[in-house]
Protein backbone atom coordinates (compact mmCIF):
# COMPACT_ATOMS: atom_id res chain seq x y z
CA MET A 1 56.11 9.59 -76.74
CA SER A 2 58.56 6.91 -76.05
CA ALA A 3 61.34 6.45 -78.56
CA ALA A 4 61.11 2.65 -79.59
CA THR A 5 62.95 0.89 -81.38
CA SER A 6 63.00 -2.65 -82.65
CA ALA A 7 65.81 -3.23 -79.86
CA GLY A 8 63.64 -1.62 -77.21
CA VAL A 9 62.43 1.54 -75.82
CA ARG A 10 64.46 4.48 -74.60
CA VAL A 11 63.73 6.97 -71.83
CA HIS A 12 65.78 9.85 -70.79
CA THR A 13 65.85 12.28 -67.68
CA VAL A 14 68.11 15.51 -66.83
CA LEU A 15 70.16 16.25 -63.67
CA ASP A 16 71.80 19.36 -62.18
CA SER A 17 75.46 18.29 -61.42
CA PRO A 18 78.66 20.46 -60.52
CA LEU A 19 79.52 20.10 -64.31
CA GLY A 20 76.10 21.40 -65.29
CA THR A 21 73.31 19.73 -66.80
CA LEU A 22 73.79 16.12 -67.52
CA THR A 23 71.27 14.12 -69.61
CA LEU A 24 70.73 10.31 -68.49
CA VAL A 25 69.37 7.88 -71.51
CA ALA A 26 68.03 4.43 -70.28
CA HIS A 27 67.55 1.52 -73.16
CA ASP A 28 64.86 -0.74 -71.47
CA GLY A 29 65.54 0.28 -68.15
CA VAL A 30 69.36 0.05 -68.54
CA LEU A 31 71.27 2.87 -68.44
CA ALA A 32 72.71 3.77 -72.19
CA GLY A 33 74.41 7.18 -72.11
CA LEU A 34 75.40 10.13 -69.66
CA TYR A 35 76.03 13.28 -71.84
CA MET A 36 77.21 16.73 -70.53
CA GLU A 37 75.86 20.11 -71.96
CA GLU A 38 77.73 20.80 -75.54
CA HIS A 39 78.86 17.08 -75.84
CA ARG A 40 80.90 16.63 -78.64
CA HIS A 41 79.26 13.18 -79.75
CA LEU A 42 75.59 13.88 -78.84
CA PRO A 43 73.10 11.87 -80.50
CA ALA A 44 70.16 13.19 -81.85
CA ARG A 45 67.57 14.41 -78.85
CA HIS A 46 65.04 12.73 -80.30
CA THR A 47 66.50 9.26 -79.68
CA PHE A 48 66.54 9.67 -76.08
CA GLY A 49 62.79 8.85 -75.88
CA ASP A 50 60.35 10.31 -73.35
CA ARG A 51 61.67 12.29 -70.03
CA ASP A 52 61.03 9.78 -67.13
CA ALA A 53 63.04 9.93 -64.14
CA GLY A 54 61.60 6.28 -63.11
CA PRO A 55 64.93 4.41 -63.93
CA PHE A 56 67.34 6.77 -62.98
CA ALA A 57 67.06 6.58 -59.09
CA ALA A 58 70.44 4.30 -58.76
CA VAL A 59 72.10 6.30 -61.34
CA SER A 60 71.50 9.82 -59.75
CA ALA A 61 72.29 8.36 -56.16
CA GLN A 62 75.60 6.99 -57.21
CA LEU A 63 76.56 10.42 -58.78
CA ALA A 64 75.44 12.22 -56.16
CA GLU A 65 78.28 10.41 -54.03
CA TYR A 66 80.71 10.55 -56.70
CA PHE A 67 80.54 13.96 -56.86
CA ASP A 68 80.53 14.74 -53.05
CA GLY A 69 83.93 12.37 -53.14
CA ALA A 70 82.10 9.14 -51.35
CA ARG A 71 82.21 7.15 -54.04
CA THR A 72 85.10 5.78 -56.33
CA GLU A 73 83.65 3.05 -57.94
CA PHE A 74 79.97 2.79 -59.91
CA ASP A 75 77.80 -0.59 -59.57
CA LEU A 76 75.28 -0.25 -62.34
CA PRO A 77 74.11 -2.00 -65.52
CA LEU A 78 75.34 -0.50 -68.23
CA ARG A 79 74.21 -1.01 -71.81
CA LEU A 80 77.34 -0.14 -73.79
CA ASP A 81 76.32 0.10 -77.83
CA GLY A 82 79.29 0.38 -80.00
CA THR A 83 81.93 -1.49 -82.39
CA GLU A 84 83.46 -4.66 -80.35
CA PHE A 85 86.82 -2.35 -80.57
CA GLN A 86 85.17 0.23 -78.79
CA ARG A 87 83.55 -1.74 -76.38
CA THR A 88 86.54 -3.18 -75.50
CA VAL A 89 88.06 0.14 -75.20
CA TRP A 90 85.21 1.24 -72.67
CA ALA A 91 85.59 -2.03 -70.81
CA GLY A 92 89.50 -1.24 -70.35
CA LEU A 93 88.36 2.44 -69.12
CA ARG A 94 86.60 1.06 -66.47
CA GLU A 95 90.42 -0.61 -65.56
CA ILE A 96 91.77 2.49 -64.57
CA PRO A 97 91.92 3.21 -61.03
CA TYR A 98 90.14 5.91 -59.59
CA GLY A 99 92.05 9.10 -59.14
CA GLU A 100 94.75 7.74 -61.69
CA THR A 101 95.50 8.72 -65.58
CA TRP A 102 96.63 6.51 -68.07
CA THR A 103 97.78 7.27 -71.64
CA TYR A 104 96.46 6.34 -74.53
CA GLY A 105 99.60 4.70 -75.59
CA GLN A 106 99.21 2.57 -71.82
CA LEU A 107 95.81 1.99 -72.94
CA ALA A 108 96.35 0.89 -76.17
CA GLU A 109 99.09 -1.33 -74.74
CA ARG A 110 96.67 -3.07 -71.36
CA LEU A 111 94.21 -3.78 -74.25
CA GLY A 112 97.30 -5.63 -76.46
CA ARG A 113 96.87 -3.41 -79.00
CA ARG A 114 100.53 -1.65 -78.48
CA THR A 115 100.20 0.76 -82.08
CA ALA A 116 96.52 1.20 -81.62
CA SER A 117 96.65 4.50 -79.39
CA ARG A 118 94.95 6.53 -82.29
CA ALA A 119 92.29 4.24 -82.55
CA VAL A 120 91.87 3.85 -78.67
CA GLY A 121 91.84 7.78 -78.40
CA LEU A 122 88.69 7.72 -81.28
CA ALA A 123 86.89 4.87 -79.42
CA ASN A 124 87.65 6.82 -76.21
CA GLY A 125 85.88 9.94 -77.65
CA LYS A 126 82.80 7.89 -78.43
CA ASN A 127 82.03 6.37 -74.91
CA PRO A 128 78.33 6.64 -74.82
CA ILE A 129 78.50 7.01 -70.63
CA SER A 130 80.93 9.79 -69.52
CA ILE A 131 82.08 9.75 -65.85
CA ILE A 132 81.06 6.42 -65.09
CA VAL A 133 83.18 4.58 -68.04
CA PRO A 134 85.93 7.18 -67.16
CA CYS A 135 87.22 8.67 -70.45
CA HIS A 136 88.42 11.54 -68.51
CA ARG A 137 91.21 9.87 -67.04
CA VAL A 138 93.22 9.34 -70.34
CA VAL A 139 95.78 12.01 -71.32
CA GLY A 140 98.13 12.65 -73.74
CA SER A 141 101.72 10.87 -74.05
CA SER A 142 103.02 13.96 -72.72
CA GLY A 143 100.76 13.62 -69.22
CA GLY A 144 98.66 16.68 -70.68
CA LEU A 145 94.96 16.90 -71.03
CA THR A 146 93.72 16.18 -74.52
CA GLY A 147 90.08 16.24 -76.00
CA TYR A 148 87.07 15.58 -73.71
CA GLY A 149 83.60 15.08 -75.08
CA GLY A 150 82.51 16.96 -72.21
CA GLY A 151 84.94 19.59 -72.67
CA LEU A 152 88.41 19.87 -71.28
CA ASP A 153 87.40 22.27 -68.09
CA ARG A 154 84.67 19.45 -67.50
CA LYS A 155 87.50 17.05 -67.79
CA GLN A 156 90.49 18.64 -65.33
CA HIS A 157 87.52 19.37 -62.88
CA LEU A 158 86.34 15.31 -62.75
CA LEU A 159 90.64 14.69 -62.34
CA ALA A 160 90.94 17.17 -59.51
CA LEU A 161 87.92 15.71 -57.80
CA GLU A 162 89.17 12.28 -57.86
CA ARG A 163 92.68 13.41 -56.77
CA SER A 164 91.45 15.61 -53.84
CA ALA A 165 89.38 12.50 -52.71
CA ALA A 166 91.74 10.09 -53.19
């Protein structure tokens, strides 16, 4: 049975990718989650709803183009559930150009929160739509790779993919 809430119905599907299995979650037909295997902040699976590939055709196609190096931006409706600050950070992530990285401090400064790099990092880590909302493009102050919900090996893979295709 679909996961029904007072706010709508959730369904999910599972895709194979170069990063391993991805779980996509839709809320009322709009993408609300993209999670990797062993994702650090993975919601309880029972909240994903029934397995139904129906609402995910465009997401699947755009992800395939991205992994093939043919897509640098996603054009999908998204449902980003979080606090106002988290949604602000997640919108900021979408401003990081393909193939580039920003530090947490740079992102905080661009958001007008110069001293909030740690809070930005925490919000970044709670991003529910990996890859499409490119939290992998944020690095530590020295430029080194730091935490990633899907694991540092996947972060490195995504950054290498973007650098080679850019």
